[in-house]
Amino acid sequence: MGKIDLQSLEIQIDKLVQACQHLAEENQALQTQQVSLITERDTLLEKNALARDRIEAMIARLKAMDVGVIANEQR
């Protein structure tokens, strides 16, 4: 190999190392983002379940009130 071939190879290796470093940084950022999104999803699922339970309880109370009103009207 001549001097030019070695320099060309060195440049290609440097570019490859830089690309690997960039991909490693991007991978780390994506993993951090994934953890954040999973945490946010879990929080939203919990809030959704609480809201659903509260709405179901309200519906049950409204139905009970409606049954009470109908019973009073029949008397």
PDB file of N, CA and C in Angstrom:
ATOM      1  N   MET A   1       0.842  -1.187   0.000  1.00  0.00           N
ATOM      2  CA  MET A   1       0.000   0.000   0.000  1.00  0.00           C
ATOM      3  C   MET A   1       0.881   1.242   0.000  1.00  0.00           C
ATOM      4  N   GLY A   2       0.464   2.178  -0.774  1.00  0.00           N
ATOM      5  CA  GLY A   2       1.213   3.420  -0.824  1.00  0.00           C
ATOM      6  C   GLY A   2       0.747   4.377   0.247  1.00  0.00           C
ATOM      7  N   LYS A   3       1.447   5.479   0.337  1.00  0.00           N
ATOM      8  CA  LYS A   3       1.133   6.498   1.333  1.00  0.00           C
ATOM      9  C   LYS A   3      -0.279   7.054   1.123  1.00  0.00           C
ATOM     10  N   ILE A   4      -0.679   7.223  -0.125  1.00  0.00           N
ATOM     11  CA  ILE A   4      -2.008   7.761  -0.437  1.00  0.00           C
ATOM     12  C   ILE A   4      -3.090   6.774  -0.015  1.00  0.00           C
ATOM     13  N   ASP A   5      -2.863   5.493  -0.257  1.00  0.00           N
ATOM     14  CA  ASP A   5      -3.830   4.473   0.140  1.00  0.00           C
ATOM     15  C   ASP A   5      -4.015   4.455   1.655  1.00  0.00           C
ATOM     16  N   LEU A   6      -2.928   4.580   2.389  1.00  0.00           N
ATOM     17  CA  LEU A   6      -3.015   4.590   3.855  1.00  0.00           C
ATOM     18  C   LEU A   6      -3.757   5.827   4.353  1.00  0.00           C
ATOM     19  N   GLN A   7      -3.494   6.969   3.728  1.00  0.00           N
ATOM     20  CA  GLN A   7      -4.196   8.192   4.128  1.00  0.00           C
ATOM     21  C   GLN A   7      -5.688   8.072   3.836  1.00  0.00           C
ATOM     22  N   SER A   8      -6.012   7.517   2.686  1.00  0.00           N
ATOM     23  CA  SER A   8      -7.416   7.320   2.320  1.00  0.00           C
ATOM     24  C   SER A   8      -8.095   6.367   3.305  1.00  0.00           C
ATOM     25  N   LEU A   9      -7.410   5.297   3.642  1.00  0.00           N
ATOM     26  CA  LEU A   9      -7.942   4.334   4.608  1.00  0.00           C
ATOM     27  C   LEU A   9      -8.120   4.988   5.973  1.00  0.00           C
ATOM     28  N   GLU A  10      -7.154   5.803   6.386  1.00  0.00           N
ATOM     29  CA  GLU A  10      -7.244   6.500   7.667  1.00  0.00           C
ATOM     30  C   GLU A  10      -8.444   7.446   7.686  1.00  0.00           C
ATOM     31  N   ILE A  11      -8.673   8.151   6.601  1.00  0.00           N
ATOM     32  CA  ILE A  11      -9.818   9.065   6.508  1.00  0.00           C
ATOM     33  C   ILE A  11     -11.126   8.283   6.594  1.00  0.00           C
ATOM     34  N   GLN A  12     -11.195   7.170   5.891  1.00  0.00           N
ATOM     35  CA  GLN A  12     -12.407   6.344   5.929  1.00  0.00           C
ATOM     36  C   GLN A  12     -12.656   5.794   7.331  1.00  0.00           C
ATOM     37  N   ILE A  13     -11.591   5.370   7.992  1.00  0.00           N
ATOM     38  CA  ILE A  13     -11.728   4.850   9.360  1.00  0.00           C
ATOM     39  C   ILE A  13     -12.192   5.957  10.301  1.00  0.00           C
ATOM     40  N   ASP A  14     -11.624   7.153  10.159  1.00  0.00           N
ATOM     41  CA  ASP A  14     -12.046   8.282  10.992  1.00  0.00           C
ATOM     42  C   ASP A  14     -13.531   8.587  10.786  1.00  0.00           C
ATOM     43  N   LYS A  15     -13.969   8.567   9.528  1.00  0.00           N
ATOM     44  CA  LYS A  15     -15.388   8.809   9.232  1.00  0.00           C
ATOM     45  C   LYS A  15     -16.268   7.729   9.853  1.00  0.00           C
ATOM     46  N   LEU A  16     -15.800   6.492   9.781  1.00  0.00           N
ATOM     47  CA  LEU A  16     -16.545   5.379  10.360  1.00  0.00           C
ATOM     48  C   LEU A  16     -16.637   5.516  11.878  1.00  0.00           C
ATOM     49  N   VAL A  17     -15.538   5.898  12.513  1.00  0.00           N
ATOM     50  CA  VAL A  17     -15.531   6.106  13.965  1.00  0.00           C
ATOM     51  C   VAL A  17     -16.496   7.228  14.339  1.00  0.00           C
ATOM     52  N   GLN A  18     -16.474   8.323  13.574  1.00  0.00           N
ATOM     53  CA  GLN A  18     -17.391   9.437  13.839  1.00  0.00           C
ATOM     54  C   GLN A  18     -18.843   9.001  13.674  1.00  0.00           C
ATOM     55  N   ALA A  19     -19.114   8.218  12.637  1.00  0.00           N
ATOM     56  CA  ALA A  19     -20.473   7.721  12.415  1.00  0.00           C
ATOM     57  C   ALA A  19     -20.910   6.831  13.572  1.00  0.00           C
ATOM     58  N   CYS A  20     -20.013   5.981  14.048  1.00  0.00           N
ATOM     59  CA  CYS A  20     -20.328   5.109  15.192  1.00  0.00           C
ATOM     60  C   CYS A  20     -20.604   5.927  16.446  1.00  0.00           C
ATOM     61  N   GLN A  21     -19.799   6.954  16.680  1.00  0.00           N
ATOM     62  CA  GLN A  21     -20.009   7.817  17.842  1.00  0.00           C
ATOM     63  C   GLN A  21     -21.351   8.538  17.744  1.00  0.00           C
ATOM     64  N   HIS A  22     -21.653   9.035  16.545  1.00  0.00           N
ATOM     65  CA  HIS A  22     -22.933   9.721  16.341  1.00  0.00           C
ATOM     66  C   HIS A  22     -24.098   8.770  16.594  1.00  0.00           C
ATOM     67  N   LEU A  23     -24.002   7.555  16.065  1.00  0.00           N
ATOM     68  CA  LEU A  23     -25.068   6.572  16.259  1.00  0.00           C
ATOM     69  C   LEU A  23     -25.204   6.172  17.726  1.00  0.00           C
ATOM     70  N   ALA A  24     -24.089   6.066  18.429  1.00  0.00           N
ATOM     71  CA  ALA A  24     -24.136   5.738  19.856  1.00  0.00           C
ATOM     72  C   ALA A  24     -24.831   6.848  20.640  1.00  0.00           C
ATOM     73  N   GLU A  25     -24.521   8.104  20.305  1.00  0.00           N
ATOM     74  CA  GLU A  25     -25.175   9.237  20.968  1.00  0.00           C
ATOM     75  C   GLU A  25     -26.666   9.264  20.650  1.00  0.00           C
ATOM     76  N   GLU A  26     -26.998   9.037  19.391  1.00  0.00           N
ATOM     77  CA  GLU A  26     -28.404   9.022  18.985  1.00  0.00           C
ATOM     78  C   GLU A  26     -29.150   7.885  19.671  1.00  0.00           C
ATOM     79  N   ASN A  27     -28.510   6.728  19.765  1.00  0.00           N
ATOM     80  CA  ASN A  27     -29.109   5.580  20.436  1.00  0.00           C
ATOM     81  C   ASN A  27     -29.383   5.894  21.904  1.00  0.00           C
ATOM     82  N   GLN A  28     -28.427   6.520  22.572  1.00  0.00           N
ATOM     83  CA  GLN A  28     -28.601   6.886  23.977  1.00  0.00           C
ATOM     84  C   GLN A  28     -29.759   7.865  24.135  1.00  0.00           C
ATOM     85  N   ALA A  29     -29.833   8.849  23.245  1.00  0.00           N
ATOM     86  CA  ALA A  29     -30.922   9.829  23.305  1.00  0.00           C
ATOM     87  C   ALA A  29     -32.274   9.152  23.088  1.00  0.00           C
ATOM     88  N   LEU A  30     -32.329   8.225  22.151  1.00  0.00           N
ATOM     89  CA  LEU A  30     -33.579   7.513  21.886  1.00  0.00           C
ATOM     90  C   LEU A  30     -33.980   6.622  23.060  1.00  0.00           C
ATOM     91  N   GLN A  31     -33.007   5.996  23.700  1.00  0.00           N
ATOM     92  CA  GLN A  31     -33.313   5.167  24.867  1.00  0.00           C
ATOM     93  C   GLN A  31     -33.846   6.020  26.010  1.00  0.00           C
ATOM     94  N   THR A  32     -33.248   7.195  26.205  1.00  0.00           N
ATOM     95  CA  THR A  32     -33.723   8.116  27.240  1.00  0.00           C
ATOM     96  C   THR A  32     -35.141   8.571  26.925  1.00  0.00           C
ATOM     97  N   GLN A  33     -35.381   8.892  25.664  1.00  0.00           N
ATOM     98  CA  GLN A  33     -36.716   9.323  25.245  1.00  0.00           C
ATOM     99  C   GLN A  33     -37.724   8.194  25.441  1.00  0.00           C
ATOM    100  N   GLN A  34     -37.323   6.977  25.147  1.00  0.00           N
ATOM    101  CA  GLN A  34     -38.216   5.834  25.309  1.00  0.00           C
ATOM    102  C   GLN A  34     -38.614   5.660  26.777  1.00  0.00           C
ATOM    103  N   VAL A  35     -37.653   5.770  27.676  1.00  0.00           N
ATOM    104  CA  VAL A  35     -37.946   5.656  29.105  1.00  0.00           C
ATOM    105  C   VAL A  35     -38.931   6.746  29.521  1.00  0.00           C
ATOM    106  N   SER A  36     -38.702   7.954  29.046  1.00  0.00           N
ATOM    107  CA  SER A  36     -39.583   9.073  29.368  1.00  0.00           C
ATOM    108  C   SER A  36     -40.996   8.827  28.841  1.00  0.00           C
ATOM    109  N   LEU A  37     -41.098   8.348  27.616  1.00  0.00           N
ATOM    110  CA  LEU A  37     -42.412   8.097  27.020  1.00  0.00           C
ATOM    111  C   LEU A  37     -43.137   6.949  27.721  1.00  0.00           C
ATOM    112  N   ILE A  38     -42.409   5.936  28.129  1.00  0.00           N
ATOM    113  CA  ILE A  38     -43.027   4.822  28.857  1.00  0.00           C
ATOM    114  C   ILE A  38     -43.561   5.315  30.196  1.00  0.00           C
ATOM    115  N   THR A  39     -42.785   6.153  30.877  1.00  0.00           N
ATOM    116  CA  THR A  39     -43.229   6.719  32.151  1.00  0.00           C
ATOM    117  C   THR A  39     -44.478   7.570  31.947  1.00  0.00           C
ATOM    118  N   GLU A  40     -44.461   8.404  30.912  1.00  0.00           N
ATOM    119  CA  GLU A  40     -45.625   9.251  30.619  1.00  0.00           C
ATOM    120  C   GLU A  40     -46.844   8.393  30.284  1.00  0.00           C
ATOM    121  N   ARG A  41     -46.639   7.335  29.513  1.00  0.00           N
ATOM    122  CA  ARG A  41     -47.735   6.431  29.147  1.00  0.00           C
ATOM    123  C   ARG A  41     -48.335   5.787  30.391  1.00  0.00           C
ATOM    124  N   ASP A  42     -47.480   5.314  31.293  1.00  0.00           N
ATOM    125  CA  ASP A  42     -47.967   4.699  32.526  1.00  0.00           C
ATOM    126  C   ASP A  42     -48.789   5.688  33.345  1.00  0.00           C
ATOM    127  N   THR A  43     -48.315   6.929  33.429  1.00  0.00           N
ATOM    128  CA  THR A  43     -49.040   7.966  34.163  1.00  0.00           C
ATOM    129  C   THR A  43     -50.401   8.220  33.525  1.00  0.00           C
ATOM    130  N   LEU A  44     -50.431   8.312  32.208  1.00  0.00           N
ATOM    131  CA  LEU A  44     -51.689   8.565  31.505  1.00  0.00           C
ATOM    132  C   LEU A  44     -52.653   7.388  31.642  1.00  0.00           C
ATOM    133  N   LEU A  45     -52.140   6.171  31.604  1.00  0.00           N
ATOM    134  CA  LEU A  45     -52.999   5.001  31.799  1.00  0.00           C
ATOM    135  C   LEU A  45     -53.617   5.005  33.195  1.00  0.00           C
ATOM    136  N   GLU A  46     -52.814   5.386  34.185  1.00  0.00           N
ATOM    137  CA  GLU A  46     -53.319   5.449  35.557  1.00  0.00           C
ATOM    138  C   GLU A  46     -54.395   6.528  35.685  1.00  0.00           C
ATOM    139  N   LYS A  47     -54.140   7.700  35.108  1.00  0.00           N
ATOM    140  CA  LYS A  47     -55.136   8.779  35.146  1.00  0.00           C
ATOM    141  C   LYS A  47     -56.410   8.362  34.413  1.00  0.00           C
ATOM    142  N   ASN A  48     -56.249   7.667  33.303  1.00  0.00           N
ATOM    143  CA  ASN A  48     -57.392   7.198  32.533  1.00  0.00           C
ATOM    144  C   ASN A  48     -58.231   6.226  33.364  1.00  0.00           C
ATOM    145  N   ALA A  49     -57.577   5.310  34.054  1.00  0.00           N
ATOM    146  CA  ALA A  49     -58.293   4.341  34.888  1.00  0.00           C
ATOM    147  C   ALA A  49     -59.038   5.048  36.015  1.00  0.00           C
ATOM    148  N   LEU A  50     -58.397   6.033  36.642  1.00  0.00           N
ATOM    149  CA  LEU A  50     -59.064   6.780  37.710  1.00  0.00           C
ATOM    150  C   LEU A  50     -60.275   7.536  37.177  1.00  0.00           C
ATOM    151  N   ALA A  51     -60.117   8.175  36.025  1.00  0.00           N
ATOM    152  CA  ALA A  51     -61.232   8.914  35.425  1.00  0.00           C
ATOM    153  C   ALA A  51     -62.368   7.963  35.065  1.00  0.00           C
ATOM    154  N   ARG A  52     -62.040   6.804  34.501  1.00  0.00           N
ATOM    155  CA  ARG A  52     -63.061   5.819  34.143  1.00  0.00           C
ATOM    156  C   ARG A  52     -63.822   5.356  35.382  1.00  0.00           C
ATOM    157  N   ASP A  53     -63.100   5.085  36.470  1.00  0.00           N
ATOM    158  CA  ASP A  53     -63.746   4.656  37.709  1.00  0.00           C
ATOM    159  C   ASP A  53     -64.677   5.736  38.245  1.00  0.00           C
ATOM    160  N   ARG A  54     -64.227   6.986  38.196  1.00  0.00           N
ATOM    161  CA  ARG A  54     -65.061   8.088  38.688  1.00  0.00           C
ATOM    162  C   ARG A  54     -66.315   8.254  37.827  1.00  0.00           C
ATOM    163  N   ILE A  55     -66.161   8.142  36.520  1.00  0.00           N
ATOM    164  CA  ILE A  55     -67.314   8.280  35.621  1.00  0.00           C
ATOM    165  C   ILE A  55     -68.294   7.132  35.825  1.00  0.00           C
ATOM    166  N   GLU A  56     -67.777   5.918  35.968  1.00  0.00           N
ATOM    167  CA  GLU A  56     -68.652   4.774  36.220  1.00  0.00           C
ATOM    168  C   GLU A  56     -69.404   4.944  37.532  1.00  0.00           C
ATOM    169  N   ALA A  57     -68.739   5.481  38.553  1.00  0.00           N
ATOM    170  CA  ALA A  57     -69.404   5.723  39.837  1.00  0.00           C
ATOM    171  C   ALA A  57     -70.493   6.784  39.682  1.00  0.00           C
ATOM    172  N   MET A  58     -70.210   7.842  38.910  1.00  0.00           N
ATOM    173  CA  MET A  58     -71.217   8.884  38.681  1.00  0.00           C
ATOM    174  C   MET A  58     -72.423   8.320  37.937  1.00  0.00           C
ATOM    175  N   ILE A  59     -72.167   7.496  36.934  1.00  0.00           N
ATOM    176  CA  ILE A  59     -73.267   6.881  36.180  1.00  0.00           C
ATOM    177  C   ILE A  59     -74.113   6.008  37.092  1.00  0.00           C
ATOM    178  N   ALA A  60     -73.466   5.242  37.958  1.00  0.00           N
ATOM    179  CA  ALA A  60     -74.198   4.385  38.896  1.00  0.00           C
ATOM    180  C   ALA A  60     -75.057   5.234  39.832  1.00  0.00           C
ATOM    181  N   ARG A  61     -74.504   6.358  40.322  1.00  0.00           N
ATOM    182  CA  ARG A  61     -75.289   7.236  41.202  1.00  0.00           C
ATOM    183  C   ARG A  61     -76.468   7.850  40.453  1.00  0.00           C
ATOM    184  N   LEU A  62     -76.248   8.261  39.216  1.00  0.00           N
ATOM    185  CA  LEU A  62     -77.337   8.835  38.420  1.00  0.00           C
ATOM    186  C   LEU A  62     -78.428   7.805  38.157  1.00  0.00           C
ATOM    187  N   LYS A  63     -78.036   6.578  37.864  1.00  0.00           N
ATOM    188  CA  LYS A  63     -79.030   5.522  37.655  1.00  0.00           C
ATOM    189  C   LYS A  63     -79.814   5.265  38.934  1.00  0.00           C
ATOM    190  N   ALA A  64     -79.128   5.266  40.067  1.00  0.00           N
ATOM    191  CA  ALA A  64     -79.805   5.051  41.350  1.00  0.00           C
ATOM    192  C   ALA A  64     -80.777   6.191  41.628  1.00  0.00           C
ATOM    193  N   MET A  65     -80.375   7.412  41.313  1.00  0.00           N
ATOM    194  CA  MET A  65     -81.267   8.559  41.506  1.00  0.00           C
ATOM    195  C   MET A  65     -82.474   8.441  40.583  1.00  0.00           C
ATOM    196  N   ASP A  66     -82.262   8.001  39.353  1.00  0.00           N
ATOM    197  CA  ASP A  66     -83.333   7.854  38.383  1.00  0.00           C
ATOM    198  C   ASP A  66     -84.323   6.797  38.851  1.00  0.00           C
ATOM    199  N   VAL A  67     -83.828   5.684  39.376  1.00  0.00           N
ATOM    200  CA  VAL A  67     -84.695   4.627  39.898  1.00  0.00           C
ATOM    201  C   VAL A  67     -85.499   5.163  41.076  1.00  0.00           C
ATOM    202  N   GLY A  68     -84.862   5.963  41.921  1.00  0.00           N
ATOM    203  CA  GLY A  68     -85.562   6.554  43.064  1.00  0.00           C
ATOM    204  C   GLY A  68     -86.658   7.503  42.623  1.00  0.00           C
ATOM    205  N   VAL A  69     -86.415   8.279  41.603  1.00  0.00           N
ATOM    206  CA  VAL A  69     -87.415   9.219  41.086  1.00  0.00           C
ATOM    207  C   VAL A  69     -88.590   8.457  40.500  1.00  0.00           C
ATOM    208  N   ILE A  70     -88.321   7.401  39.748  1.00  0.00           N
ATOM    209  CA  ILE A  70     -89.396   6.601  39.152  1.00  0.00           C
ATOM    210  C   ILE A  70     -90.220   5.939  40.245  1.00  0.00           C
ATOM    211  N   ALA A  71     -89.574   5.428  41.273  1.00  0.00           N
ATOM    212  CA  ALA A  71     -90.289   4.777  42.375  1.00  0.00           C
ATOM    213  C   ALA A  71     -91.188   5.780  43.084  1.00  0.00           C
ATOM    214  N   ASN A  72     -90.721   7.004  43.297  1.00  0.00           N
ATOM    215  CA  ASN A  72     -91.531   8.029  43.955  1.00  0.00           C
ATOM    216  C   ASN A  72     -92.708   8.443  43.080  1.00  0.00           C
ATOM    217  N   GLU A  73     -92.542   8.467  41.779  1.00  0.00           N
ATOM    218  CA  GLU A  73     -93.624   8.844  40.873  1.00  0.00           C
ATOM    219  C   GLU A  73     -94.710   7.785  40.838  1.00  0.00           C
ATOM    220  N   GLN A  74     -94.352   6.531  41.075  1.00  0.00           N
ATOM    221  CA  GLN A  74     -95.331   5.449  41.028  1.00  0.00           C
ATOM    222  C   GLN A  74     -96.171   5.393  42.299  1.00  0.00           C
ATOM    223  N   ARG A  75     -95.780   6.074  43.331  1.00  0.00           N
ATOM    224  CA  ARG A  75     -96.539   6.027  44.596  1.00  0.00           C
ATOM    225  C   ARG A  75     -97.732   6.890  44.567  1.00  0.00           C
TER     226      ARG A  75
END
